[in-house]
Amino acid sequence: MPRRTFHGTGGEEIIPTYRYGTGYRKYRNKKTEIDGIMFDSRGEAMVYLKLKDQKERREIKDFKLQPVFKFPTGTRFKADFKVIHNDGREIIQDYKSPITRRETSYRIRIKMLKFFFPDVIFEEL
């Protein structure tokens, strides 16, 4: 299978590196490293490249990696991205495969996020 390459806004070639661990991964996702940052899946890494490109083109103001939300129950939820738009809106984005989206523990955490943080705009990618 040929390697996919991506190009940044300056035309430089970005080649993601995939890490194959010795252990079995539950959903067969492949850890991917881009810019020295290790992502849990190739899809999450591609979202990062898209957001990085949008920031360079000034379509968004900024984005943060893995914002943490602490619930009063003592549990927490770590999303993948927090996107800050030029108009000041903040959107929480979480990349999940269709299999993971159906997982009960994930659905419960999303419901808790929406219950305890009703002002947060949340998007599943």
N, C-alpha and C. Protein backbone atom coordinates (compact mmCIF):
# COMPACT_ATOMS: atom_id res chain seq x y z
N MET A 1 0.85 -1.18 0.00
CA MET A 1 0.00 0.00 0.00
C MET A 1 0.89 1.24 0.00
N PRO A 2 0.70 2.13 -0.96
CA PRO A 2 1.57 3.31 -1.01
C PRO A 2 1.29 4.25 0.15
N ARG A 3 2.32 4.94 0.56
CA ARG A 3 2.18 5.92 1.63
C ARG A 3 1.49 7.17 1.14
N ARG A 4 0.57 7.67 1.94
CA ARG A 4 -0.09 8.93 1.59
C ARG A 4 0.79 10.07 2.03
N THR A 5 0.92 11.06 1.20
CA THR A 5 1.66 12.26 1.57
C THR A 5 0.70 13.43 1.54
N PHE A 6 0.99 14.42 2.35
CA PHE A 6 0.17 15.61 2.45
C PHE A 6 1.08 16.81 2.29
N HIS A 7 0.53 17.90 1.83
CA HIS A 7 1.32 19.09 1.62
C HIS A 7 0.79 20.22 2.48
N GLY A 8 1.71 20.93 3.13
CA GLY A 8 1.34 22.08 3.94
C GLY A 8 1.06 23.27 3.05
N THR A 9 0.71 24.38 3.63
CA THR A 9 0.37 25.56 2.84
C THR A 9 1.58 26.13 2.13
N GLY A 10 2.77 25.87 2.64
CA GLY A 10 4.00 26.34 1.98
C GLY A 10 4.48 25.38 0.91
N GLY A 11 3.74 24.30 0.66
CA GLY A 11 4.10 23.34 -0.35
C GLY A 11 5.01 22.23 0.16
N GLU A 12 5.43 22.32 1.43
CA GLU A 12 6.31 21.28 1.97
C GLU A 12 5.55 19.98 2.13
N GLU A 13 6.27 18.89 1.92
CA GLU A 13 5.65 17.58 2.01
C GLU A 13 5.63 17.11 3.45
N ILE A 14 4.47 16.63 3.90
CA ILE A 14 4.31 16.11 5.25
C ILE A 14 4.02 14.62 5.11
N ILE A 15 4.89 13.80 5.67
CA ILE A 15 4.71 12.36 5.61
C ILE A 15 4.41 11.86 7.01
N PRO A 16 3.17 11.42 7.26
CA PRO A 16 2.86 10.90 8.60
C PRO A 16 3.60 9.58 8.83
N THR A 17 4.04 9.38 10.04
CA THR A 17 4.67 8.10 10.38
C THR A 17 3.70 7.32 11.23
N TYR A 18 3.60 6.04 10.95
CA TYR A 18 2.67 5.19 11.66
C TYR A 18 3.45 4.33 12.65
N ARG A 19 2.91 4.18 13.84
CA ARG A 19 3.55 3.37 14.86
C ARG A 19 2.77 2.08 15.01
N TYR A 20 3.44 0.99 14.81
CA TYR A 20 2.80 -0.30 15.01
C TYR A 20 3.31 -0.86 16.33
N GLY A 21 2.47 -0.84 17.34
CA GLY A 21 2.85 -1.35 18.65
C GLY A 21 2.87 -2.86 18.65
N THR A 22 3.44 -3.41 19.69
CA THR A 22 3.50 -4.86 19.79
C THR A 22 2.15 -5.44 20.23
N GLY A 23 1.33 -4.62 20.87
CA GLY A 23 0.04 -5.11 21.36
C GLY A 23 -1.07 -4.93 20.35
N TYR A 24 -2.14 -5.64 20.58
CA TYR A 24 -3.33 -5.57 19.74
C TYR A 24 -4.13 -4.35 20.13
N ARG A 25 -4.52 -3.54 19.15
CA ARG A 25 -5.34 -2.36 19.40
C ARG A 25 -6.80 -2.73 19.17
N LYS A 26 -7.63 -2.34 20.11
CA LYS A 26 -9.03 -2.78 20.14
C LYS A 26 -9.76 -2.54 18.82
N TYR A 27 -9.61 -1.36 18.24
CA TYR A 27 -10.33 -1.04 17.01
C TYR A 27 -9.40 -0.95 15.81
N ARG A 28 -8.20 -1.50 15.94
CA ARG A 28 -7.21 -1.57 14.87
C ARG A 28 -6.83 -0.20 14.31
N ASN A 29 -6.93 0.82 15.12
CA ASN A 29 -6.46 2.14 14.71
C ASN A 29 -4.93 2.15 14.76
N LYS A 30 -4.33 3.04 14.00
CA LYS A 30 -2.87 3.11 13.94
C LYS A 30 -2.41 4.44 14.50
N LYS A 31 -1.58 4.38 15.53
CA LYS A 31 -1.03 5.61 16.10
C LYS A 31 -0.22 6.29 15.01
N THR A 32 -0.35 7.62 14.92
CA THR A 32 0.30 8.39 13.88
C THR A 32 0.98 9.59 14.49
N GLU A 33 2.22 9.85 14.06
CA GLU A 33 2.98 10.98 14.59
C GLU A 33 3.14 12.03 13.50
N ILE A 34 2.75 13.26 13.82
CA ILE A 34 2.92 14.40 12.92
C ILE A 34 3.41 15.57 13.77
N ASP A 35 4.44 16.24 13.29
CA ASP A 35 5.03 17.39 13.99
C ASP A 35 5.45 17.04 15.41
N GLY A 36 5.87 15.81 15.64
CA GLY A 36 6.28 15.39 16.97
C GLY A 36 5.14 15.11 17.93
N ILE A 37 3.90 15.14 17.43
CA ILE A 37 2.72 14.89 18.25
C ILE A 37 2.18 13.51 17.89
N MET A 38 1.94 12.67 18.88
CA MET A 38 1.42 11.33 18.65
C MET A 38 -0.11 11.35 18.75
N PHE A 39 -0.77 10.93 17.68
CA PHE A 39 -2.22 10.87 17.64
C PHE A 39 -2.66 9.42 17.73
N ASP A 40 -3.85 9.18 18.28
CA ASP A 40 -4.35 7.83 18.47
C ASP A 40 -4.79 7.15 17.18
N SER A 41 -5.04 7.93 16.13
CA SER A 41 -5.48 7.33 14.87
C SER A 41 -5.07 8.23 13.71
N ARG A 42 -5.08 7.65 12.51
CA ARG A 42 -4.76 8.43 11.31
C ARG A 42 -5.82 9.50 11.09
N GLY A 43 -7.08 9.17 11.37
CA GLY A 43 -8.15 10.14 11.17
C GLY A 43 -7.98 11.38 12.04
N GLU A 44 -7.61 11.16 13.29
CA GLU A 44 -7.37 12.29 14.20
C GLU A 44 -6.20 13.13 13.71
N ALA A 45 -5.16 12.47 13.19
CA ALA A 45 -4.00 13.19 12.65
C ALA A 45 -4.39 14.03 11.44
N MET A 46 -5.29 13.51 10.61
CA MET A 46 -5.71 14.26 9.43
C MET A 46 -6.54 15.48 9.82
N VAL A 47 -7.35 15.35 10.88
CA VAL A 47 -8.10 16.50 11.38
C VAL A 47 -7.12 17.57 11.86
N TYR A 48 -6.04 17.15 12.54
CA TYR A 48 -5.01 18.09 13.00
C TYR A 48 -4.40 18.84 11.81
N LEU A 49 -4.05 18.12 10.74
CA LEU A 49 -3.48 18.77 9.56
C LEU A 49 -4.45 19.76 8.94
N LYS A 50 -5.73 19.40 8.91
CA LYS A 50 -6.75 20.30 8.37
C LYS A 50 -6.86 21.57 9.21
N LEU A 51 -6.90 21.41 10.55
CA LEU A 51 -6.99 22.58 11.42
C LEU A 51 -5.73 23.44 11.33
N LYS A 52 -4.58 22.81 11.23
CA LYS A 52 -3.32 23.55 11.09
C LYS A 52 -3.33 24.37 9.81
N ASP A 53 -3.83 23.78 8.73
CA ASP A 53 -3.92 24.48 7.45
C ASP A 53 -4.91 25.64 7.54
N GLN A 54 -6.06 25.42 8.20
CA GLN A 54 -7.05 26.49 8.35
C GLN A 54 -6.48 27.65 9.18
N LYS A 55 -5.67 27.33 10.18
CA LYS A 55 -5.07 28.39 11.00
C LYS A 55 -4.06 29.19 10.19
N GLU A 56 -3.26 28.51 9.37
CA GLU A 56 -2.29 29.20 8.54
C GLU A 56 -2.97 30.09 7.51
N ARG A 57 -4.14 29.67 7.01
CA ARG A 57 -4.90 30.48 6.06
C ARG A 57 -5.81 31.48 6.76
N ARG A 58 -5.74 31.53 8.08
CA ARG A 58 -6.51 32.44 8.93
C ARG A 58 -8.02 32.28 8.80
N GLU A 59 -8.44 31.04 8.55
CA GLU A 59 -9.88 30.75 8.54
C GLU A 59 -10.38 30.53 9.96
N ILE A 60 -9.49 30.12 10.86
CA ILE A 60 -9.80 30.02 12.28
C ILE A 60 -8.71 30.77 13.04
N LYS A 61 -9.05 31.21 14.25
CA LYS A 61 -8.08 31.95 15.05
C LYS A 61 -7.02 31.03 15.64
N ASP A 62 -7.46 29.92 16.23
CA ASP A 62 -6.52 29.01 16.89
C ASP A 62 -7.22 27.68 17.16
N PHE A 63 -6.44 26.70 17.58
CA PHE A 63 -7.00 25.44 18.05
C PHE A 63 -6.07 24.86 19.10
N LYS A 64 -6.67 24.13 20.01
CA LYS A 64 -5.93 23.50 21.11
C LYS A 64 -6.12 22.00 21.02
N LEU A 65 -5.13 21.27 21.47
CA LEU A 65 -5.19 19.81 21.48
C LEU A 65 -5.65 19.31 22.84
N GLN A 66 -6.51 18.36 22.84
CA GLN A 66 -6.97 17.61 24.00
C GLN A 66 -7.39 18.45 25.21
N PRO A 67 -8.43 19.28 25.04
CA PRO A 67 -8.97 19.99 26.21
C PRO A 67 -9.65 19.00 27.15
N VAL A 68 -9.51 19.22 28.45
CA VAL A 68 -10.06 18.31 29.45
C VAL A 68 -11.25 18.97 30.15
N PHE A 69 -12.32 18.21 30.30
CA PHE A 69 -13.51 18.66 31.03
C PHE A 69 -13.66 17.77 32.25
N LYS A 70 -13.68 18.38 33.43
CA LYS A 70 -13.84 17.62 34.68
C LYS A 70 -15.28 17.73 35.13
N PHE A 71 -15.89 16.58 35.39
CA PHE A 71 -17.27 16.53 35.82
C PHE A 71 -17.34 16.50 37.34
N PRO A 72 -18.42 17.02 37.93
CA PRO A 72 -18.58 16.99 39.39
C PRO A 72 -18.61 15.56 39.96
N THR A 73 -18.83 14.59 39.10
CA THR A 73 -18.87 13.20 39.56
C THR A 73 -17.48 12.63 39.81
N GLY A 74 -16.45 13.41 39.45
CA GLY A 74 -15.07 12.94 39.63
C GLY A 74 -14.47 12.37 38.36
N THR A 75 -15.28 12.15 37.34
CA THR A 75 -14.76 11.66 36.07
C THR A 75 -14.40 12.84 35.18
N ARG A 76 -13.75 12.54 34.07
CA ARG A 76 -13.38 13.60 33.15
C ARG A 76 -13.52 13.13 31.72
N PHE A 77 -13.55 14.08 30.81
CA PHE A 77 -13.65 13.80 29.38
C PHE A 77 -12.57 14.59 28.68
N LYS A 78 -11.76 13.91 27.88
CA LYS A 78 -10.71 14.58 27.13
C LYS A 78 -11.08 14.51 25.65
N ALA A 79 -11.42 15.66 25.08
CA ALA A 79 -11.79 15.72 23.67
C ALA A 79 -10.50 15.80 22.84
N ASP A 80 -10.64 15.76 21.53
CA ASP A 80 -9.47 15.81 20.67
C ASP A 80 -9.02 17.24 20.38
N PHE A 81 -9.97 18.13 20.08
CA PHE A 81 -9.61 19.49 19.69
C PHE A 81 -10.59 20.51 20.25
N LYS A 82 -10.08 21.70 20.49
CA LYS A 82 -10.90 22.87 20.81
C LYS A 82 -10.56 23.91 19.74
N VAL A 83 -11.54 24.25 18.91
CA VAL A 83 -11.32 25.16 17.79
C VAL A 83 -11.89 26.53 18.16
N ILE A 84 -11.06 27.56 18.02
CA ILE A 84 -11.48 28.93 18.30
C ILE A 84 -11.60 29.66 16.96
N HIS A 85 -12.83 30.02 16.62
CA HIS A 85 -13.09 30.68 15.35
C HIS A 85 -12.77 32.16 15.45
N ASN A 86 -12.70 32.82 14.30
CA ASN A 86 -12.36 34.24 14.25
C ASN A 86 -13.40 35.11 14.96
N ASP A 87 -14.66 34.67 14.99
CA ASP A 87 -15.71 35.44 15.64
C ASP A 87 -15.79 35.15 17.14
N GLY A 88 -14.87 34.32 17.66
CA GLY A 88 -14.82 34.04 19.09
C GLY A 88 -15.52 32.76 19.52
N ARG A 89 -16.30 32.13 18.61
CA ARG A 89 -16.95 30.87 18.96
C ARG A 89 -15.92 29.80 19.25
N GLU A 90 -16.21 28.99 20.25
CA GLU A 90 -15.34 27.86 20.58
C GLU A 90 -16.12 26.57 20.37
N ILE A 91 -15.56 25.68 19.59
CA ILE A 91 -16.22 24.41 19.28
C ILE A 91 -15.29 23.28 19.71
N ILE A 92 -15.86 22.32 20.42
CA ILE A 92 -15.11 21.14 20.84
C ILE A 92 -15.34 20.06 19.78
N GLN A 93 -14.25 19.51 19.24
CA GLN A 93 -14.35 18.47 18.22
C GLN A 93 -13.71 17.19 18.73
N ASP A 94 -14.35 16.08 18.41
CA ASP A 94 -13.84 14.79 18.83
C ASP A 94 -13.96 13.83 17.65
N TYR A 95 -12.83 13.28 17.21
CA TYR A 95 -12.84 12.35 16.10
C TYR A 95 -12.99 10.94 16.65
N LYS A 96 -14.00 10.23 16.20
CA LYS A 96 -14.23 8.85 16.62
C LYS A 96 -14.67 8.03 15.42
N SER A 97 -14.25 6.78 15.42
CA SER A 97 -14.70 5.86 14.36
C SER A 97 -16.16 5.50 14.61
N PRO A 98 -16.86 5.01 13.60
CA PRO A 98 -18.26 4.62 13.81
C PRO A 98 -18.43 3.57 14.91
N ILE A 99 -17.45 2.69 15.06
CA ILE A 99 -17.53 1.67 16.11
C ILE A 99 -17.45 2.30 17.49
N THR A 100 -16.50 3.21 17.67
CA THR A 100 -16.32 3.86 18.98
C THR A 100 -17.51 4.73 19.34
N ARG A 101 -18.14 5.35 18.35
CA ARG A 101 -19.30 6.20 18.61
C ARG A 101 -20.45 5.44 19.26
N ARG A 102 -20.52 4.15 18.97
CA ARG A 102 -21.60 3.33 19.53
C ARG A 102 -21.28 2.80 20.92
N GLU A 103 -20.04 2.97 21.36
CA GLU A 103 -19.62 2.45 22.66
C GLU A 103 -20.39 3.14 23.78
N THR A 104 -20.91 2.38 24.71
CA THR A 104 -21.74 2.92 25.79
C THR A 104 -21.00 3.93 26.65
N SER A 105 -19.77 3.64 27.02
CA SER A 105 -19.02 4.56 27.90
C SER A 105 -18.78 5.90 27.21
N TYR A 106 -18.54 5.88 25.90
CA TYR A 106 -18.35 7.13 25.15
C TYR A 106 -19.65 7.92 25.10
N ARG A 107 -20.77 7.25 24.81
CA ARG A 107 -22.06 7.93 24.75
C ARG A 107 -22.41 8.57 26.09
N ILE A 108 -22.10 7.87 27.19
CA ILE A 108 -22.38 8.42 28.52
C ILE A 108 -21.55 9.67 28.77
N ARG A 109 -20.28 9.64 28.41
CA ARG A 109 -19.42 10.82 28.62
C ARG A 109 -19.90 12.01 27.80
N ILE A 110 -20.38 11.77 26.58
CA ILE A 110 -20.90 12.86 25.76
C ILE A 110 -22.16 13.44 26.39
N LYS A 111 -23.04 12.58 26.91
CA LYS A 111 -24.25 13.07 27.58
C LYS A 111 -23.89 13.88 28.82
N MET A 112 -22.87 13.42 29.57
CA MET A 112 -22.43 14.16 30.75
C MET A 112 -21.85 15.51 30.36
N LEU A 113 -21.08 15.55 29.27
CA LEU A 113 -20.51 16.81 28.79
C LEU A 113 -21.62 17.80 28.46
N LYS A 114 -22.62 17.34 27.75
CA LYS A 114 -23.73 18.23 27.37
C LYS A 114 -24.58 18.64 28.57
N PHE A 115 -24.66 17.79 29.58
CA PHE A 115 -25.44 18.10 30.78
C PHE A 115 -24.71 19.10 31.67
N PHE A 116 -23.43 18.83 31.98
CA PHE A 116 -22.68 19.68 32.90
C PHE A 116 -22.11 20.93 32.25
N PHE A 117 -21.95 20.93 30.92
CA PHE A 117 -21.44 22.09 30.20
C PHE A 117 -22.39 22.41 29.05
N PRO A 118 -23.60 22.94 29.35
CA PRO A 118 -24.61 23.15 28.31
C PRO A 118 -24.22 24.22 27.29
N ASP A 119 -23.30 25.10 27.64
CA ASP A 119 -22.92 26.17 26.70
C ASP A 119 -21.87 25.71 25.69
N VAL A 120 -21.30 24.54 25.88
CA VAL A 120 -20.26 24.05 25.00
C VAL A 120 -20.87 23.52 23.71
N ILE A 121 -20.30 23.95 22.58
CA ILE A 121 -20.72 23.45 21.27
C ILE A 121 -19.84 22.25 20.96
N PHE A 122 -20.44 21.08 20.76
CA PHE A 122 -19.70 19.84 20.56
C PHE A 122 -19.99 19.25 19.19
N GLU A 123 -18.92 18.82 18.50
CA GLU A 123 -19.06 18.18 17.20
C GLU A 123 -18.33 16.84 17.20
N GLU A 124 -18.98 15.82 16.71
CA GLU A 124 -18.31 14.53 16.49
C GLU A 124 -17.88 14.50 15.04
N LEU A 125 -16.63 14.13 14.83
CA LEU A 125 -16.12 14.05 13.45
C LEU A 125 -15.98 12.60 13.04
